[in-house]
Amino acid sequence: MTWDKPTSRLLRRSPLLAGWLLCLVLAACTVSYKFTGTSINYDIIKTIQIDNIVNRAPYGWAPMEAMFNNELQDLYASQTRLKLVKRGGDLHIAGEITGYDQYNKSISADGLSSQVQLKMTVNIRFNNTKTNESWERQFSATSQYDATMQLSAVQEDLVDEMIRDIADQIFNATVADW
């Protein structure tokens, strides 16, 4: 590429302009970065054991347990380099779904419920065998739906949304530096 004399002179005299043009060219290049935010020392922590999180909620929806377990395992598999093991993991996650409830969230002018809130609660026990860190916590998420709709019509989407939220909370509490 050849430059005409005025452009060449301008670039030589103005390093700031040349730097700006270089930045513009570089910004046009597409670069993709993926930050998972994990604070795992992979030299020490290599495996994770995720026990089956069972549904112990008094009221529940049958597919919820399998959906939750799949989402939790998929999250660790896709966001970390940890190997999922059946026993003796460096990190160990266990727990149960303890609540799945719906509440009237708001009342319309005619005195009937206009919004219903669905809430899911999961109790998790975590153990890091390498650092001896251990805790037990409850995580919960909510979703709302219009009271004129049947729960069965919106349940799968709402449960999926709550499961993703709770799985993210668990992930952040166990391996993310947040």
Protein backbone atom coordinates (compact mmCIF):
# COMPACT_ATOMS: atom_id res chain seq x y z
CA MET A 1 0.00 0.00 0.00
CA THR A 2 1.39 3.39 -0.92
CA TRP A 3 0.46 6.64 0.71
CA ASP A 4 0.14 9.92 -1.06
CA LYS A 5 2.54 12.63 0.10
CA PRO A 6 0.11 14.64 2.29
CA THR A 7 -1.08 11.49 4.15
CA SER A 8 2.46 10.22 4.59
CA ARG A 9 3.63 13.59 5.93
CA LEU A 10 0.63 13.80 8.30
CA LEU A 11 1.28 10.33 9.73
CA ARG A 12 4.98 11.09 10.25
CA ARG A 13 4.25 14.36 11.99
CA SER A 14 1.42 13.09 14.17
CA PRO A 15 2.23 9.93 16.14
CA LEU A 16 -1.08 10.36 17.96
CA LEU A 17 -3.01 10.15 14.70
CA ALA A 18 -0.98 7.12 13.63
CA GLY A 19 -1.71 5.46 16.98
CA TRP A 20 -5.39 6.25 16.64
CA LEU A 21 -5.51 4.74 13.15
CA LEU A 22 -3.73 1.63 14.42
CA CYS A 23 -6.30 1.28 17.22
CA LEU A 24 -9.11 1.67 14.71
CA VAL A 25 -7.66 -1.08 12.51
CA LEU A 26 -7.16 -3.39 15.49
CA ALA A 27 -10.67 -2.72 16.78
CA ALA A 28 -12.04 -3.88 13.45
CA CYS A 29 -10.52 -7.31 14.04
CA THR A 30 -12.89 -9.67 15.83
CA VAL A 31 -11.40 -11.16 18.98
CA SER A 32 -13.39 -13.41 21.29
CA TYR A 33 -12.55 -13.91 24.93
CA LYS A 34 -14.30 -16.19 27.41
CA PHE A 35 -14.06 -15.35 31.09
CA THR A 36 -15.68 -17.88 33.38
CA GLY A 37 -14.65 -16.10 36.55
CA THR A 38 -13.47 -19.27 38.26
CA SER A 39 -10.87 -19.14 40.97
CA ILE A 40 -9.79 -22.77 40.71
CA ASN A 41 -6.15 -23.74 41.05
CA TYR A 42 -6.10 -26.61 38.55
CA ASP A 43 -2.71 -27.74 39.86
CA ILE A 44 -4.43 -28.71 43.13
CA ILE A 45 -8.15 -29.15 42.29
CA LYS A 46 -8.69 -31.65 39.47
CA THR A 47 -12.00 -33.43 40.14
CA ILE A 48 -15.54 -32.71 41.26
CA GLN A 49 -18.14 -35.08 42.64
CA ILE A 50 -21.74 -33.92 42.22
CA ASP A 51 -24.17 -36.23 43.99
CA ASN A 52 -27.69 -36.62 42.65
CA ILE A 53 -29.72 -33.71 44.06
CA VAL A 54 -32.98 -35.40 45.02
CA ASN A 55 -36.40 -33.77 45.21
CA ARG A 56 -37.59 -33.73 48.83
CA ALA A 57 -40.03 -30.85 48.37
CA PRO A 58 -43.53 -31.65 49.67
CA TYR A 59 -44.92 -30.47 46.34
CA GLY A 60 -42.92 -30.94 43.16
CA TRP A 61 -42.89 -31.54 39.46
CA ALA A 62 -41.46 -34.89 38.35
CA PRO A 63 -38.98 -33.71 35.65
CA MET A 64 -37.55 -31.03 37.97
CA GLU A 65 -34.99 -33.32 39.66
CA ALA A 66 -33.44 -34.57 36.41
CA MET A 67 -33.46 -31.08 34.90
CA PHE A 68 -31.64 -29.69 37.94
CA ASN A 69 -28.98 -32.41 38.02
CA ASN A 70 -28.29 -32.10 34.29
CA GLU A 71 -27.99 -28.30 34.46
CA LEU A 72 -25.64 -28.39 37.46
CA GLN A 73 -23.34 -31.00 35.91
CA ASP A 74 -23.39 -29.28 32.51
CA LEU A 75 -22.45 -25.96 34.10
CA TYR A 76 -19.32 -27.36 35.76
CA ALA A 77 -18.42 -29.35 32.65
CA SER A 78 -18.68 -26.34 30.35
CA GLN A 79 -17.22 -23.66 32.64
CA THR A 80 -14.33 -25.55 34.29
CA ARG A 81 -11.70 -28.12 33.44
CA LEU A 82 -12.68 -30.29 36.41
CA LYS A 83 -13.25 -33.98 35.78
CA LEU A 84 -16.63 -35.24 37.04
CA VAL A 85 -16.15 -38.33 39.23
CA LYS A 86 -18.56 -40.63 41.08
CA ARG A 87 -16.53 -40.77 44.33
CA GLY A 88 -13.66 -39.01 46.06
CA GLY A 89 -13.75 -35.70 44.19
CA ASP A 90 -11.52 -32.85 45.30
CA LEU A 91 -14.75 -30.81 45.40
CA HIS A 92 -17.96 -32.45 46.57
CA ILE A 93 -21.48 -31.10 46.10
CA ALA A 94 -24.51 -32.79 47.65
CA GLY A 95 -27.98 -31.68 48.59
CA GLU A 96 -31.69 -31.78 47.93
CA ILE A 97 -34.52 -29.72 46.51
CA THR A 98 -36.40 -28.70 49.65
CA GLY A 99 -39.07 -26.38 48.36
CA TYR A 100 -41.27 -25.84 45.34
CA ASP A 101 -44.11 -23.51 46.23
CA GLN A 102 -46.44 -21.02 44.63
CA TYR A 103 -47.79 -17.85 46.19
CA ASN A 104 -50.19 -15.13 45.15
CA LYS A 105 -47.94 -12.21 44.27
CA SER A 106 -50.43 -9.48 43.45
CA ILE A 107 -54.16 -8.91 43.64
CA SER A 108 -56.22 -7.31 40.87
CA ALA A 109 -58.96 -4.69 41.35
CA ASP A 110 -61.63 -7.41 41.56
CA GLY A 111 -59.85 -8.97 44.55
CA LEU A 112 -58.53 -12.02 42.68
CA SER A 113 -54.92 -12.97 42.21
CA SER A 114 -53.37 -11.45 39.10
CA GLN A 115 -49.81 -12.75 39.47
CA VAL A 116 -48.52 -15.99 40.95
CA GLN A 117 -44.96 -16.46 42.15
CA LEU A 118 -43.29 -19.83 41.90
CA LYS A 119 -40.33 -20.42 44.24
CA MET A 120 -37.76 -23.20 44.24
CA THR A 121 -35.35 -23.80 47.14
CA VAL A 122 -32.32 -26.09 47.15
CA ASN A 123 -30.17 -27.03 50.14
CA ILE A 124 -26.52 -27.61 49.17
CA ARG A 125 -23.61 -29.07 51.12
CA PHE A 126 -20.16 -28.26 49.73
CA ASN A 127 -16.77 -29.68 50.68
CA ASN A 128 -13.35 -28.83 49.27
CA THR A 129 -11.11 -31.69 50.43
CA LYS A 130 -7.92 -29.85 49.46
CA THR A 131 -8.56 -26.70 51.52
CA ASN A 132 -10.90 -28.23 54.13
CA GLU A 133 -13.51 -25.60 53.24
CA SER A 134 -16.97 -26.87 54.04
CA TRP A 135 -20.40 -25.25 54.24
CA GLU A 136 -24.14 -25.82 53.91
CA ARG A 137 -26.43 -23.20 52.37
CA GLN A 138 -29.86 -22.74 50.87
CA PHE A 139 -30.25 -21.25 47.41
CA SER A 140 -33.56 -20.12 45.96
CA ALA A 141 -35.03 -18.52 42.87
CA THR A 142 -38.46 -17.25 41.92
CA SER A 143 -40.46 -16.77 38.73
CA GLN A 144 -43.82 -15.14 38.17
CA TYR A 145 -46.65 -15.96 35.84
CA ASP A 146 -50.07 -14.54 35.07
CA ALA A 147 -52.77 -16.03 37.28
CA THR A 148 -55.07 -16.46 34.30
CA MET A 149 -52.69 -19.14 32.99
CA GLN A 150 -52.51 -22.72 34.16
CA LEU A 151 -49.26 -23.66 35.90
CA SER A 152 -48.96 -26.70 33.63
CA ALA A 153 -48.81 -24.39 30.59
CA VAL A 154 -45.84 -22.36 31.88
CA GLN A 155 -44.21 -24.70 34.38
CA GLU A 156 -41.40 -26.08 32.20
CA ASP A 157 -40.11 -22.63 31.20
CA LEU A 158 -40.40 -21.25 34.74
CA VAL A 159 -38.65 -24.25 36.32
CA ASP A 160 -35.91 -24.11 33.69
CA GLU A 161 -35.35 -20.41 34.46
CA MET A 162 -35.19 -21.04 38.22
CA ILE A 163 -32.86 -24.02 37.79
CA ARG A 164 -30.42 -21.95 35.71
CA ASP A 165 -30.50 -19.21 38.34
CA ILE A 166 -29.87 -21.58 41.26
CA ALA A 167 -27.16 -23.51 39.39
CA ASP A 168 -25.38 -20.20 38.70
CA GLN A 169 -25.64 -19.25 42.38
CA ILE A 170 -24.15 -22.61 43.41
CA PHE A 171 -21.38 -22.33 40.81
CA ASN A 172 -20.47 -18.82 42.01
CA ALA A 173 -20.48 -19.90 45.66
CA THR A 174 -18.24 -22.92 45.03
CA VAL A 175 -15.70 -22.05 42.34
CA ALA A 176 -16.13 -18.46 41.21
CA ASP A 177 -14.29 -15.54 42.70
CA TRP A 178 -17.30 -13.27 43.24
